[in-house]
């Protein structure tokens, strides 16, 4: 979290800590996501999260058969880089 800054933090979670969900948004786009337990609150400002997943075997997401899109290979992979802003209520 917040890589390259003085606020950089790393968290490691085991498979038992995560929930895997599938779904779709209104335009029909289907997705798979890992849901983590709540982490420590963040201060207001811009933040980044680079989420990596480490798998002991290949994982097919169940959404298709294209290895370039639907296969996460065994080992460590960048799963989801996200930038966001925390603001205080007005």
Protein backbone atom coordinates (compact mmCIF):
# COMPACT_ATOMS: atom_id res chain seq x y z
CA UNK A 1 0.00 0.00 0.00
CA UNK A 2 1.31 3.48 -0.92
CA UNK A 3 4.46 2.01 -2.49
CA UNK A 4 7.47 4.30 -2.59
CA UNK A 5 6.19 6.67 0.10
CA UNK A 6 6.85 7.02 3.81
CA UNK A 7 3.38 5.47 4.33
CA UNK A 8 4.28 2.24 2.49
CA UNK A 9 2.82 -0.85 4.16
CA UNK A 10 2.61 -4.52 3.19
CA UNK A 11 0.00 -7.01 4.32
CA UNK A 12 0.07 -10.77 3.73
CA UNK A 13 -3.12 -12.77 3.92
CA UNK A 14 -3.66 -16.52 3.60
CA UNK A 15 -6.30 -18.13 1.41
CA UNK A 16 -8.48 -18.67 4.49
CA UNK A 17 -8.62 -14.89 5.03
CA UNK A 18 -10.08 -14.20 1.58
CA UNK A 19 -13.48 -14.60 -0.06
CA UNK A 20 -13.59 -15.18 -3.83
CA UNK A 21 -16.65 -13.65 -5.50
CA UNK A 22 -17.93 -13.65 -9.06
CA UNK A 23 -20.50 -11.30 -10.48
CA UNK A 24 -21.47 -8.97 -13.28
CA UNK A 25 -22.04 -5.24 -13.67
CA UNK A 26 -25.15 -3.88 -15.46
CA UNK A 27 -23.49 -3.86 -18.90
CA UNK A 28 -22.98 -7.64 -18.58
CA UNK A 29 -19.25 -7.55 -17.87
CA UNK A 30 -18.44 -10.49 -15.61
CA UNK A 31 -15.71 -10.41 -12.96
CA UNK A 32 -13.89 -12.37 -10.28
CA UNK A 33 -12.54 -10.60 -7.20
CA UNK A 34 -10.89 -11.39 -3.91
CA UNK A 35 -12.44 -9.69 -0.89
CA UNK A 36 -10.06 -9.00 1.99
CA UNK A 37 -10.95 -8.46 5.62
CA UNK A 38 -10.95 -4.81 6.79
CA UNK A 39 -7.47 -3.33 7.22
CA UNK A 40 -6.33 -0.30 9.23
CA UNK A 41 -8.06 3.03 8.44
CA UNK A 42 -6.15 5.35 6.12
CA UNK A 43 -5.58 9.08 6.60
CA UNK A 44 -7.16 11.52 4.12
CA UNK A 45 -5.28 11.88 0.85
CA UNK A 46 -4.27 9.92 -2.24
CA UNK A 47 -3.40 6.25 -1.83
CA UNK A 48 -2.43 3.28 -3.99
CA UNK A 49 -2.80 -0.45 -3.53
CA UNK A 50 -0.90 -3.00 -5.60
CA UNK A 51 -2.58 -6.31 -4.90
CA UNK A 52 -0.58 -9.44 -5.67
CA UNK A 53 -1.78 -13.01 -5.52
CA UNK A 54 0.51 -16.01 -5.06
CA UNK A 55 -0.90 -19.31 -6.29
CA UNK A 56 0.48 -22.82 -5.91
CA UNK A 57 -1.22 -23.90 -9.17
CA UNK A 58 -2.76 -22.27 -12.24
CA UNK A 59 -6.21 -20.76 -11.55
CA UNK A 60 -8.93 -20.43 -14.18
CA UNK A 61 -11.37 -17.66 -13.30
CA UNK A 62 -14.40 -19.55 -14.66
CA UNK A 63 -15.39 -16.68 -16.97
CA UNK A 64 -13.96 -17.99 -20.23
CA UNK A 65 -11.37 -20.17 -21.90
CA UNK A 66 -8.83 -17.61 -23.15
CA UNK A 67 -5.54 -18.21 -21.29
CA UNK A 68 -4.47 -14.59 -21.90
CA UNK A 69 -7.56 -13.33 -20.06
CA UNK A 70 -8.95 -16.11 -17.88
CA UNK A 71 -5.88 -17.91 -16.54
CA UNK A 72 -3.83 -16.72 -13.57
CA UNK A 73 -0.58 -18.72 -13.61
CA UNK A 74 0.97 -20.36 -10.58
CA UNK A 75 3.40 -18.11 -8.72
CA UNK A 76 3.10 -14.41 -7.91
CA UNK A 77 1.00 -12.15 -10.16
CA UNK A 78 -0.09 -8.53 -9.93
CA UNK A 79 -3.85 -8.92 -9.58
CA UNK A 80 -5.22 -5.44 -9.11
CA UNK A 81 -3.44 -2.06 -8.99
CA UNK A 82 -5.80 0.61 -7.63
CA UNK A 83 -5.47 4.32 -6.89
CA UNK A 84 -8.01 6.15 -4.74
CA UNK A 85 -8.54 9.20 -2.52
CA UNK A 86 -9.70 9.18 1.08
CA UNK A 87 -11.62 12.31 2.02
CA UNK A 88 -13.21 13.59 5.20
CA UNK A 89 -16.96 14.21 5.39
CA UNK A 90 -17.96 17.83 4.89
